[in-house]
Amino acid sequence: MDGAPRAAVLNIGIRPTFDGARESVEVHIPGWESDLYGRILEVELLAKIRDERKFPSLDDLKAQIARDVAAAIEIATRR
């Protein structure tokens, strides 16, 4: 990355919508298009938005992630 702070959403959990079995950490950075696998990111947790839960469909999950991203941007801009 370029070192600039960016709003993002992070999930720590098992990805229940996809029947996950082991815990993982995923970071979604809105607008970031490049591959970040193998890169080291510094992440600052500012607030918990919601608990992890299983969604009935991928579309429902995507809609919730869009709401989570909007909430994360709002939280980050208040800092």
PDB file of N, CA and C in Angstrom:
ATOM      1  N   MET A   1       0.853  -1.179   0.000  1.00  0.00           N
ATOM      2  CA  MET A   1       0.000   0.000   0.000  1.00  0.00           C
ATOM      3  C   MET A   1       0.884   1.222   0.000  1.00  0.00           C
ATOM      4  N   ASP A   2       0.285   2.372  -0.031  1.00  0.00           N
ATOM      5  CA  ASP A   2       1.045   3.606  -0.135  1.00  0.00           C
ATOM      6  C   ASP A   2       1.292   4.273   1.207  1.00  0.00           C
ATOM      7  N   GLY A   3       0.894   3.664   2.304  1.00  0.00           N
ATOM      8  CA  GLY A   3       1.113   4.220   3.632  1.00  0.00           C
ATOM      9  C   GLY A   3       0.036   5.174   4.113  1.00  0.00           C
ATOM     10  N   ALA A   4      -0.899   5.540   3.258  1.00  0.00           N
ATOM     11  CA  ALA A   4      -1.972   6.456   3.647  1.00  0.00           C
ATOM     12  C   ALA A   4      -3.030   5.703   4.450  1.00  0.00           C
ATOM     13  N   PRO A   5      -3.530   6.308   5.531  1.00  0.00           N
ATOM     14  CA  PRO A   5      -4.611   5.665   6.286  1.00  0.00           C
ATOM     15  C   PRO A   5      -5.859   5.529   5.417  1.00  0.00           C
ATOM     16  N   ARG A   6      -6.555   4.435   5.567  1.00  0.00           N
ATOM     17  CA  ARG A   6      -7.775   4.185   4.794  1.00  0.00           C
ATOM     18  C   ARG A   6      -8.819   3.547   5.699  1.00  0.00           C
ATOM     19  N   ALA A   7     -10.080   3.892   5.475  1.00  0.00           N
ATOM     20  CA  ALA A   7     -11.171   3.228   6.181  1.00  0.00           C
ATOM     21  C   ALA A   7     -11.302   1.820   5.615  1.00  0.00           C
ATOM     22  N   ALA A   8     -11.611   0.873   6.464  1.00  0.00           N
ATOM     23  CA  ALA A   8     -11.751  -0.514   6.037  1.00  0.00           C
ATOM     24  C   ALA A   8     -12.680  -1.239   7.010  1.00  0.00           C
ATOM     25  N   VAL A   9     -13.111  -2.414   6.613  1.00  0.00           N
ATOM     26  CA  VAL A   9     -13.845  -3.296   7.517  1.00  0.00           C
ATOM     27  C   VAL A   9     -13.037  -4.574   7.674  1.00  0.00           C
ATOM     28  N   LEU A  10     -13.103  -5.130   8.865  1.00  0.00           N
ATOM     29  CA  LEU A  10     -12.325  -6.312   9.191  1.00  0.00           C
ATOM     30  C   LEU A  10     -13.253  -7.354   9.790  1.00  0.00           C
ATOM     31  N   ASN A  11     -13.080  -8.591   9.380  1.00  0.00           N
ATOM     32  CA  ASN A  11     -13.831  -9.687   9.966  1.00  0.00           C
ATOM     33  C   ASN A  11     -12.849 -10.657  10.608  1.00  0.00           C
ATOM     34  N   ILE A  12     -13.115 -10.981  11.855  1.00  0.00           N
ATOM     35  CA  ILE A  12     -12.384 -12.039  12.555  1.00  0.00           C
ATOM     36  C   ILE A  12     -13.427 -13.090  12.885  1.00  0.00           C
ATOM     37  N   GLY A  13     -13.311 -14.249  12.281  1.00  0.00           N
ATOM     38  CA  GLY A  13     -14.319 -15.266  12.542  1.00  0.00           C
ATOM     39  C   GLY A  13     -14.199 -16.443  11.598  1.00  0.00           C
ATOM     40  N   ILE A  14     -15.309 -17.168  11.457  1.00  0.00           N
ATOM     41  CA  ILE A  14     -15.277 -18.420  10.708  1.00  0.00           C
ATOM     42  C   ILE A  14     -16.015 -18.354   9.370  1.00  0.00           C
ATOM     43  N   ARG A  15     -16.516 -17.213   8.976  1.00  0.00           N
ATOM     44  CA  ARG A  15     -17.235 -17.050   7.712  1.00  0.00           C
ATOM     45  C   ARG A  15     -18.427 -18.007   7.641  1.00  0.00           C
ATOM     46  N   PRO A  16     -19.392 -17.876   8.546  1.00  0.00           N
ATOM     47  CA  PRO A  16     -20.498 -18.848   8.627  1.00  0.00           C
ATOM     48  C   PRO A  16     -21.367 -18.929   7.376  1.00  0.00           C
ATOM     49  N   THR A  17     -21.470 -17.869   6.586  1.00  0.00           N
ATOM     50  CA  THR A  17     -22.257 -17.929   5.355  1.00  0.00           C
ATOM     51  C   THR A  17     -21.676 -18.947   4.384  1.00  0.00           C
ATOM     52  N   PHE A  18     -20.373 -19.170   4.489  1.00  0.00           N
ATOM     53  CA  PHE A  18     -19.691 -20.125   3.616  1.00  0.00           C
ATOM     54  C   PHE A  18     -19.344 -21.415   4.356  1.00  0.00           C
ATOM     55  N   ASP A  19     -20.017 -21.652   5.483  1.00  0.00           N
ATOM     56  CA  ASP A  19     -19.792 -22.850   6.298  1.00  0.00           C
ATOM     57  C   ASP A  19     -18.333 -23.011   6.693  1.00  0.00           C
ATOM     58  N   GLY A  20     -17.712 -21.902   7.051  1.00  0.00           N
ATOM     59  CA  GLY A  20     -16.317 -21.945   7.468  1.00  0.00           C
ATOM     60  C   GLY A  20     -16.145 -22.731   8.751  1.00  0.00           C
ATOM     61  N   ALA A  21     -14.989 -23.335   8.894  1.00  0.00           N
ATOM     62  CA  ALA A  21     -14.717 -24.153  10.077  1.00  0.00           C
ATOM     63  C   ALA A  21     -13.558 -23.616  10.900  1.00  0.00           C
ATOM     64  N   ARG A  22     -12.691 -22.839  10.299  1.00  0.00           N
ATOM     65  CA  ARG A  22     -11.563 -22.314  11.061  1.00  0.00           C
ATOM     66  C   ARG A  22     -11.584 -20.792  11.013  1.00  0.00           C
ATOM     67  N   GLU A  23     -11.054 -20.201  12.073  1.00  0.00           N
ATOM     68  CA  GLU A  23     -11.050 -18.744  12.151  1.00  0.00           C
ATOM     69  C   GLU A  23     -10.089 -18.152  11.139  1.00  0.00           C
ATOM     70  N   SER A  24     -10.469 -16.990  10.635  1.00  0.00           N
ATOM     71  CA  SER A  24      -9.626 -16.249   9.711  1.00  0.00           C
ATOM     72  C   SER A  24      -9.789 -14.764  10.009  1.00  0.00           C
ATOM     73  N   VAL A  25      -8.903 -13.988   9.455  1.00  0.00           N
ATOM     74  CA  VAL A  25      -8.976 -12.530   9.539  1.00  0.00           C
ATOM     75  C   VAL A  25      -9.002 -12.005   8.108  1.00  0.00           C
ATOM     76  N   GLU A  26     -10.029 -11.220   7.788  1.00  0.00           N
ATOM     77  CA  GLU A  26     -10.163 -10.636   6.455  1.00  0.00           C
ATOM     78  C   GLU A  26     -10.312  -9.127   6.601  1.00  0.00           C
ATOM     79  N   VAL A  27      -9.622  -8.396   5.760  1.00  0.00           N
ATOM     80  CA  VAL A  27      -9.739  -6.941   5.739  1.00  0.00           C
ATOM     81  C   VAL A  27     -10.221  -6.527   4.357  1.00  0.00           C
ATOM     82  N   HIS A  28     -11.292  -5.741   4.322  1.00  0.00           N
ATOM     83  CA  HIS A  28     -11.814  -5.204   3.057  1.00  0.00           C
ATOM     84  C   HIS A  28     -11.551  -3.706   3.055  1.00  0.00           C
ATOM     85  N   ILE A  29     -10.809  -3.253   2.050  1.00  0.00           N
ATOM     86  CA  ILE A  29     -10.493  -1.836   1.914  1.00  0.00           C
ATOM     87  C   ILE A  29     -11.269  -1.311   0.707  1.00  0.00           C
ATOM     88  N   PRO A  30     -12.325  -0.527   0.939  1.00  0.00           N
ATOM     89  CA  PRO A  30     -13.141  -0.041  -0.175  1.00  0.00           C
ATOM     90  C   PRO A  30     -12.295   0.719  -1.204  1.00  0.00           C
ATOM     91  N   GLY A  31     -12.498   0.374  -2.462  1.00  0.00           N
ATOM     92  CA  GLY A  31     -11.800   1.068  -3.544  1.00  0.00           C
ATOM     93  C   GLY A  31     -10.409   0.541  -3.843  1.00  0.00           C
ATOM     94  N   TRP A  32      -9.901  -0.370  -3.031  1.00  0.00           N
ATOM     95  CA  TRP A  32      -8.557  -0.903  -3.271  1.00  0.00           C
ATOM     96  C   TRP A  32      -8.681  -2.073  -4.232  1.00  0.00           C
ATOM     97  N   GLU A  33      -8.004  -2.013  -5.360  1.00  0.00           N
ATOM     98  CA  GLU A  33      -8.142  -3.018  -6.411  1.00  0.00           C
ATOM     99  C   GLU A  33      -6.955  -3.971  -6.503  1.00  0.00           C
ATOM    100  N   SER A  34      -5.813  -3.621  -5.961  1.00  0.00           N
ATOM    101  CA  SER A  34      -4.610  -4.446  -6.104  1.00  0.00           C
ATOM    102  C   SER A  34      -4.604  -5.605  -5.117  1.00  0.00           C
ATOM    103  N   ASP A  35      -3.792  -6.600  -5.411  1.00  0.00           N
ATOM    104  CA  ASP A  35      -3.629  -7.778  -4.568  1.00  0.00           C
ATOM    105  C   ASP A  35      -2.769  -7.422  -3.357  1.00  0.00           C
ATOM    106  N   LEU A  36      -3.227  -7.762  -2.166  1.00  0.00           N
ATOM    107  CA  LEU A  36      -2.470  -7.494  -0.945  1.00  0.00           C
ATOM    108  C   LEU A  36      -1.987  -8.767  -0.270  1.00  0.00           C
ATOM    109  N   TYR A  37      -2.205  -9.930  -0.887  1.00  0.00           N
ATOM    110  CA  TYR A  37      -1.756 -11.183  -0.286  1.00  0.00           C
ATOM    111  C   TYR A  37      -0.244 -11.168  -0.123  1.00  0.00           C
ATOM    112  N   GLY A  38       0.198 -11.592   1.063  1.00  0.00           N
ATOM    113  CA  GLY A  38       1.623 -11.637   1.364  1.00  0.00           C
ATOM    114  C   GLY A  38       2.187 -10.317   1.849  1.00  0.00           C
ATOM    115  N   ARG A  39       1.385  -9.260   1.852  1.00  0.00           N
ATOM    116  CA  ARG A  39       1.821  -7.943   2.321  1.00  0.00           C
ATOM    117  C   ARG A  39       1.489  -7.813   3.805  1.00  0.00           C
ATOM    118  N   ILE A  40       2.234  -7.006   4.505  1.00  0.00           N
ATOM    119  CA  ILE A  40       1.972  -6.727   5.917  1.00  0.00           C
ATOM    120  C   ILE A  40       1.204  -5.408   5.998  1.00  0.00           C
ATOM    121  N   LEU A  41       0.053  -5.462   6.678  1.00  0.00           N
ATOM    122  CA  LEU A  41      -0.776  -4.280   6.874  1.00  0.00           C
ATOM    123  C   LEU A  41      -0.805  -3.929   8.350  1.00  0.00           C
ATOM    124  N   GLU A  42      -0.806  -2.661   8.641  1.00  0.00           N
ATOM    125  CA  GLU A  42      -1.028  -2.197  10.009  1.00  0.00           C
ATOM    126  C   GLU A  42      -2.499  -1.826  10.111  1.00  0.00           C
ATOM    127  N   VAL A  43      -3.202  -2.446  11.050  1.00  0.00           N
ATOM    128  CA  VAL A  43      -4.636  -2.252  11.195  1.00  0.00           C
ATOM    129  C   VAL A  43      -4.915  -1.708  12.592  1.00  0.00           C
ATOM    130  N   GLU A  44      -5.676  -0.631  12.650  1.00  0.00           N
ATOM    131  CA  GLU A  44      -6.099  -0.056  13.928  1.00  0.00           C
ATOM    132  C   GLU A  44      -7.603  -0.262  14.058  1.00  0.00           C
ATOM    133  N   LEU A  45      -8.002  -0.980  15.089  1.00  0.00           N
ATOM    134  CA  LEU A  45      -9.424  -1.235  15.307  1.00  0.00           C
ATOM    135  C   LEU A  45     -10.032  -0.029  16.022  1.00  0.00           C
ATOM    136  N   LEU A  46     -11.065   0.549  15.426  1.00  0.00           N
ATOM    137  CA  LEU A  46     -11.692   1.745  15.988  1.00  0.00           C
ATOM    138  C   LEU A  46     -13.009   1.448  16.681  1.00  0.00           C
ATOM    139  N   ALA A  47     -13.767   0.489  16.156  1.00  0.00           N
ATOM    140  CA  ALA A  47     -15.081   0.191  16.730  1.00  0.00           C
ATOM    141  C   ALA A  47     -15.570  -1.150  16.201  1.00  0.00           C
ATOM    142  N   LYS A  48     -16.417  -1.778  16.984  1.00  0.00           N
ATOM    143  CA  LYS A  48     -17.089  -2.995  16.522  1.00  0.00           C
ATOM    144  C   LYS A  48     -18.400  -2.578  15.882  1.00  0.00           C
ATOM    145  N   ILE A  49     -18.623  -3.030  14.665  1.00  0.00           N
ATOM    146  CA  ILE A  49     -19.839  -2.659  13.957  1.00  0.00           C
ATOM    147  C   ILE A  49     -20.959  -3.651  14.242  1.00  0.00           C
ATOM    148  N   ARG A  50     -20.644  -4.947  14.187  1.00  0.00           N
ATOM    149  CA  ARG A  50     -21.681  -5.960  14.446  1.00  0.00           C
ATOM    150  C   ARG A  50     -21.030  -7.314  14.713  1.00  0.00           C
ATOM    151  N   ASP A  51     -21.823  -8.236  15.244  1.00  0.00           N
ATOM    152  CA  ASP A  51     -21.373  -9.609  15.429  1.00  0.00           C
ATOM    153  C   ASP A  51     -21.409 -10.346  14.086  1.00  0.00           C
ATOM    154  N   GLU A  52     -20.602 -11.377  13.992  1.00  0.00           N
ATOM    155  CA  GLU A  52     -20.608 -12.228  12.808  1.00  0.00           C
ATOM    156  C   GLU A  52     -21.884 -13.078  12.828  1.00  0.00           C
ATOM    157  N   ARG A  53     -22.462 -13.299  11.652  1.00  0.00           N
ATOM    158  CA  ARG A  53     -23.642 -14.152  11.561  1.00  0.00           C
ATOM    159  C   ARG A  53     -23.733 -14.763  10.166  1.00  0.00           C
ATOM    160  N   LYS A  54     -24.538 -15.797  10.044  1.00  0.00           N
ATOM    161  CA  LYS A  54     -24.740 -16.467   8.762  1.00  0.00           C
ATOM    162  C   LYS A  54     -25.871 -15.761   8.013  1.00  0.00           C
ATOM    163  N   PHE A  55     -25.635 -15.450   6.744  1.00  0.00           N
ATOM    164  CA  PHE A  55     -26.644 -14.798   5.910  1.00  0.00           C
ATOM    165  C   PHE A  55     -27.303 -15.836   5.011  1.00  0.00           C
ATOM    166  N   PRO A  56     -28.567 -15.630   4.665  1.00  0.00           N
ATOM    167  CA  PRO A  56     -29.272 -16.611   3.850  1.00  0.00           C
ATOM    168  C   PRO A  56     -28.750 -16.711   2.417  1.00  0.00           C
ATOM    169  N   SER A  57     -28.082 -15.666   1.932  1.00  0.00           N
ATOM    170  CA  SER A  57     -27.570 -15.701   0.561  1.00  0.00           C
ATOM    171  C   SER A  57     -26.340 -14.800   0.438  1.00  0.00           C
ATOM    172  N   LEU A  58     -25.597 -15.007  -0.626  1.00  0.00           N
ATOM    173  CA  LEU A  58     -24.435 -14.168  -0.902  1.00  0.00           C
ATOM    174  C   LEU A  58     -24.857 -12.721  -1.139  1.00  0.00           C
ATOM    175  N   ASP A  59     -25.990 -12.523  -1.808  1.00  0.00           N
ATOM    176  CA  ASP A  59     -26.482 -11.160  -2.039  1.00  0.00           C
ATOM    177  C   ASP A  59     -26.802 -10.452  -0.729  1.00  0.00           C
ATOM    178  N   ASP A  60     -27.389 -11.168   0.227  1.00  0.00           N
ATOM    179  CA  ASP A  60     -27.669 -10.577   1.539  1.00  0.00           C
ATOM    180  C   ASP A  60     -26.377 -10.203   2.249  1.00  0.00           C
ATOM    181  N   LEU A  61     -25.366 -11.075   2.154  1.00  0.00           N
ATOM    182  CA  LEU A  61     -24.068 -10.778   2.755  1.00  0.00           C
ATOM    183  C   LEU A  61     -23.439  -9.548   2.106  1.00  0.00           C
ATOM    184  N   LYS A  62     -23.472  -9.469   0.785  1.00  0.00           N
ATOM    185  CA  LYS A  62     -22.897  -8.320   0.081  1.00  0.00           C
ATOM    186  C   LYS A  62     -23.596  -7.020   0.478  1.00  0.00           C
ATOM    187  N   ALA A  63     -24.919  -7.063   0.623  1.00  0.00           N
ATOM    188  CA  ALA A  63     -25.667  -5.871   1.031  1.00  0.00           C
ATOM    189  C   ALA A  63     -25.255  -5.441   2.439  1.00  0.00           C
ATOM    190  N   GLN A  64     -25.077  -6.410   3.344  1.00  0.00           N
ATOM    191  CA  GLN A  64     -24.656  -6.080   4.700  1.00  0.00           C
ATOM    192  C   GLN A  64     -23.240  -5.517   4.709  1.00  0.00           C
ATOM    193  N   ILE A  65     -22.355  -6.092   3.912  1.00  0.00           N
ATOM    194  CA  ILE A  65     -20.982  -5.571   3.838  1.00  0.00           C
ATOM    195  C   ILE A  65     -20.993  -4.129   3.345  1.00  0.00           C
ATOM    196  N   ALA A  66     -21.852  -3.807   2.388  1.00  0.00           N
ATOM    197  CA  ALA A  66     -21.955  -2.419   1.915  1.00  0.00           C
ATOM    198  C   ALA A  66     -22.380  -1.502   3.058  1.00  0.00           C
ATOM    199  N   ARG A  67     -23.320  -1.956   3.886  1.00  0.00           N
ATOM    200  CA  ARG A  67     -23.728  -1.143   5.049  1.00  0.00           C
ATOM    201  C   ARG A  67     -22.586  -1.040   6.062  1.00  0.00           C
ATOM    202  N   ASP A  68     -21.854  -2.124   6.243  1.00  0.00           N
ATOM    203  CA  ASP A  68     -20.705  -2.111   7.165  1.00  0.00           C
ATOM    204  C   ASP A  68     -19.634  -1.140   6.685  1.00  0.00           C
ATOM    205  N   VAL A  69     -19.375  -1.133   5.384  1.00  0.00           N
ATOM    206  CA  VAL A  69     -18.381  -0.209   4.820  1.00  0.00           C
ATOM    207  C   VAL A  69     -18.812   1.231   5.055  1.00  0.00           C
ATOM    208  N   ALA A  70     -20.082   1.535   4.825  1.00  0.00           N
ATOM    209  CA  ALA A  70     -20.590   2.892   5.068  1.00  0.00           C
ATOM    210  C   ALA A  70     -20.414   3.277   6.534  1.00  0.00           C
ATOM    211  N   ALA A  71     -20.698   2.338   7.436  1.00  0.00           N
ATOM    212  CA  ALA A  71     -20.526   2.608   8.868  1.00  0.00           C
ATOM    213  C   ALA A  71     -19.043   2.819   9.199  1.00  0.00           C
ATOM    214  N   ALA A  72     -18.167   2.016   8.606  1.00  0.00           N
ATOM    215  CA  ALA A  72     -16.732   2.156   8.870  1.00  0.00           C
ATOM    216  C   ALA A  72     -16.210   3.499   8.387  1.00  0.00           C
ATOM    217  N   ILE A  73     -16.656   3.929   7.223  1.00  0.00           N
ATOM    218  CA  ILE A  73     -16.230   5.240   6.709  1.00  0.00           C
ATOM    219  C   ILE A  73     -16.717   6.343   7.632  1.00  0.00           C
ATOM    220  N   GLU A  74     -17.944   6.236   8.094  1.00  0.00           N
ATOM    221  CA  GLU A  74     -18.487   7.232   9.036  1.00  0.00           C
ATOM    222  C   GLU A  74     -17.665   7.270  10.318  1.00  0.00           C
ATOM    223  N   ILE A  75     -17.346   6.116  10.855  1.00  0.00           N
ATOM    224  CA  ILE A  75     -16.539   6.046  12.092  1.00  0.00           C
ATOM    225  C   ILE A  75     -15.162   6.651  11.857  1.00  0.00           C
ATOM    226  N   ALA A  76     -14.528   6.311  10.736  1.00  0.00           N
ATOM    227  CA  ALA A  76     -13.174   6.803  10.456  1.00  0.00           C
ATOM    228  C   ALA A  76     -13.139   8.306  10.238  1.00  0.00           C
ATOM    229  N   THR A  77     -14.193   8.869   9.634  1.00  0.00           N
ATOM    230  CA  THR A  77     -14.196  10.304   9.384  1.00  0.00           C
ATOM    231  C   THR A  77     -14.464  11.123  10.644  1.00  0.00           C
ATOM    232  N   ARG A  78     -15.008  10.484  11.685  1.00  0.00           N
ATOM    233  CA  ARG A  78     -15.245  11.196  12.960  1.00  0.00           C
ATOM    234  C   ARG A  78     -13.980  11.340  13.770  1.00  0.00           C
ATOM    235  N   ARG A  79     -12.922  10.632  13.407  1.00  0.00           N
ATOM    236  CA  ARG A  79     -11.677  10.660  14.174  1.00  0.00           C
ATOM    237  C   ARG A  79     -10.913  11.922  13.937  1.00  0.00           C
TER     238      ARG A  79
END
